[in-house]
Protein backbone atom coordinates (compact mmCIF):
# COMPACT_ATOMS: atom_id res chain seq x y z
CA UNK A 1 87.36 93.70 108.79
CA UNK A 2 83.97 92.85 107.32
CA UNK A 3 83.11 93.33 103.65
CA UNK A 4 79.85 94.98 104.71
CA UNK A 5 82.03 97.82 106.01
CA UNK A 6 83.81 98.17 102.64
CA UNK A 7 81.13 97.58 100.03
CA UNK A 8 77.70 99.16 99.70
CA UNK A 9 74.92 97.98 97.38
CA UNK A 10 75.60 101.07 95.23
CA UNK A 11 79.12 99.74 94.67
CA UNK A 12 77.94 96.53 93.01
CA UNK A 13 77.54 96.04 89.26
CA UNK A 14 75.61 92.80 88.60
CA UNK A 15 76.22 92.50 84.84
CA UNK A 16 79.09 94.59 83.53
CA UNK A 17 79.54 94.43 79.76
CA UNK A 18 83.20 94.97 78.87
CA UNK A 19 85.56 93.43 76.34
CA UNK A 20 89.00 94.30 77.72
CA UNK A 21 90.85 94.74 80.98
CA UNK A 22 91.28 98.47 80.25
CA UNK A 23 87.55 98.88 79.59
CA UNK A 24 86.74 97.05 82.85
CA UNK A 25 89.09 99.28 84.85
CA UNK A 26 87.57 102.41 83.26
CA UNK A 27 84.00 101.33 84.09
CA UNK A 28 84.93 100.32 87.64
CA UNK A 29 86.77 103.62 88.12
CA UNK A 30 83.63 105.49 87.04
CA UNK A 31 81.56 103.58 89.62
CA UNK A 32 84.22 104.19 92.29
CA UNK A 33 84.05 107.91 91.53
CA UNK A 34 80.25 107.89 91.73
CA UNK A 35 80.16 106.26 95.17
CA UNK A 36 83.15 108.07 96.68
CA UNK A 37 83.32 111.54 95.15
CA UNK A 38 86.86 110.85 93.92
CA UNK A 39 87.88 111.68 90.35
CA UNK A 40 87.36 108.74 88.00
CA UNK A 41 90.67 109.44 86.23
CA UNK A 42 92.60 109.39 89.51
CA UNK A 43 91.09 106.04 90.45
CA UNK A 44 91.83 104.63 87.00
CA UNK A 45 95.43 105.89 87.10
CA UNK A 46 95.99 104.31 90.53
CA UNK A 47 94.57 100.97 89.35
CA UNK A 48 96.58 101.06 86.14
CA UNK A 49 99.78 101.90 88.02
CA UNK A 50 99.25 98.82 90.22
CA UNK A 51 98.49 96.61 87.19
CA UNK A 52 101.83 97.63 85.66
CA UNK A 53 103.55 95.93 88.60
CA UNK A 54 101.75 92.68 87.73
CA UNK A 55 98.24 91.51 87.12
CA UNK A 56 95.82 91.55 90.03
CA UNK A 57 94.05 88.56 88.48
CA UNK A 58 94.43 86.07 91.33
CA UNK A 59 93.12 83.05 89.45
CA UNK A 60 89.89 81.07 89.16
CA UNK A 61 88.21 83.93 87.24
CA UNK A 62 88.80 86.54 89.95
CA UNK A 63 90.67 89.86 89.92
CA UNK A 64 91.20 92.32 92.76
CA UNK A 65 92.60 95.55 91.28
CA UNK A 66 93.58 97.93 94.06
CA UNK A 67 95.27 101.21 94.75
CA UNK A 68 95.82 104.03 97.21
CA UNK A 69 94.71 107.61 96.74
CA UNK A 70 95.57 110.62 98.90
CA UNK A 71 92.04 112.01 98.51
CA UNK A 72 90.28 108.78 99.55
CA UNK A 73 88.54 109.27 102.90
CA UNK A 74 88.22 105.57 103.74
CA UNK A 75 88.82 102.10 102.35
CA UNK A 76 86.04 101.00 100.00
CA UNK A 77 85.33 98.43 97.34
CA UNK A 78 83.50 98.11 94.04
CA UNK A 79 82.45 94.65 92.82
CA UNK A 80 81.26 93.52 89.41
CA UNK A 81 80.14 90.30 87.80
CA UNK A 82 80.98 90.42 84.10
CA UNK A 83 78.52 89.35 81.42
CA UNK A 84 81.41 87.64 79.57
CA UNK A 85 84.81 86.70 80.98
CA UNK A 86 87.77 88.79 79.77
CA UNK A 87 91.53 88.29 79.60
CA UNK A 88 93.06 89.88 82.70
CA UNK A 89 96.56 88.39 82.37
CA UNK A 90 95.76 86.36 85.50
CA UNK A 91 98.32 84.21 87.25
CA UNK A 92 96.58 81.03 86.10
CA UNK A 93 95.82 82.34 82.60
CA UNK A 94 92.06 81.93 83.14
CA UNK A 95 89.74 84.71 81.98
CA UNK A 96 88.15 86.85 84.69
CA UNK A 97 84.42 87.28 85.33
CA UNK A 98 84.45 88.56 88.93
CA UNK A 99 86.26 91.81 89.71
CA UNK A 100 86.42 93.57 93.06
CA UNK A 101 88.30 96.87 93.22
CA UNK A 102 89.71 98.07 96.53
CA UNK A 103 90.64 101.73 97.05
CA UNK A 104 92.33 102.98 100.20
CA UNK A 105 93.68 106.28 101.50
CA UNK A 106 97.45 106.60 101.23
CA UNK A 107 97.52 106.73 105.04
CA UNK A 108 95.68 103.39 105.42
CA UNK A 109 98.88 101.41 106.06
CA UNK A 110 98.22 97.88 107.31
CA UNK A 111 94.43 98.33 107.13
CA UNK A 112 94.68 98.35 103.33
CA UNK A 113 96.54 95.04 103.40
CA UNK A 114 94.09 93.56 105.90
CA UNK A 115 91.13 94.55 103.71
CA UNK A 116 92.85 93.16 100.62
CA UNK A 117 93.64 89.88 102.40
CA UNK A 118 90.05 89.59 103.68
CA UNK A 119 88.60 90.20 100.23
CA UNK A 120 90.98 87.68 98.63
CA UNK A 121 90.23 85.05 101.29
CA UNK A 122 86.48 85.36 100.73
CA UNK A 123 86.68 85.43 96.93
CA UNK A 124 89.01 82.42 96.80
CA UNK A 125 86.36 80.27 98.50
CA UNK A 126 84.99 78.15 95.62
CA UNK A 127 81.47 78.14 97.09
CA UNK A 128 81.42 81.95 97.17
CA UNK A 129 82.50 82.06 93.52
CA UNK A 130 79.67 79.72 92.55
CA UNK A 131 77.14 81.84 94.45
CA UNK A 132 78.43 85.11 92.96
CA UNK A 133 78.29 83.71 89.44
CA UNK A 134 74.72 82.52 90.02
CA UNK A 135 73.56 85.86 91.49
CA UNK A 136 71.72 88.02 88.99
CA UNK A 137 71.02 91.27 90.80
CA UNK A 138 72.58 93.74 93.21
CA UNK A 139 70.81 92.43 96.30
CA UNK A 140 71.82 88.82 95.61
CA UNK A 141 75.46 89.75 94.97
CA UNK A 142 75.56 91.96 98.05
CA UNK A 143 74.07 89.19 100.19
CA UNK A 144 76.73 86.71 99.05
CA UNK A 145 79.57 89.18 99.58
CA UNK A 146 78.43 90.19 103.05
CA UNK A 147 77.15 86.85 104.37
CA UNK A 148 80.48 86.38 106.09
CA UNK A 149 79.40 89.17 108.42
CA UNK A 150 77.37 86.65 110.41
CA UNK A 151 79.44 85.50 113.39
CA UNK A 152 80.62 81.92 113.21
CA UNK A 153 81.16 81.54 116.92
CA UNK A 154 78.25 80.90 119.27
């Protein structure tokens, strides 16, 4: 599963200004609603419900909030680079400055987990983190996130 199939340029926020985890989830839910036609409140509630189980801050300044919604038509993502890192109650205690939300239909089953694993694998690559933090606009962020789409085999 390629990130280019999950994330569109419209789903990228290059410099999100938020001060709290709640504020970040609200803003990302609004963007998710704008690109998907879902209700912002439903997205927010799904993300918050997942956060109550434990933080989706995976460490090294990265968080991957995710949830399933019955009304979602397909799996999609929203990615943001924060202007200032925020406390996300991450596993390593480090503040978060890169957040990628993943929303899936309730019927997605294993595809949701595959997309989540793919996103986590890419974001955990230290070189990707450096490139994302250096990117200043939508096109640069999108290019970094989707560069893995190029086949590695000859």
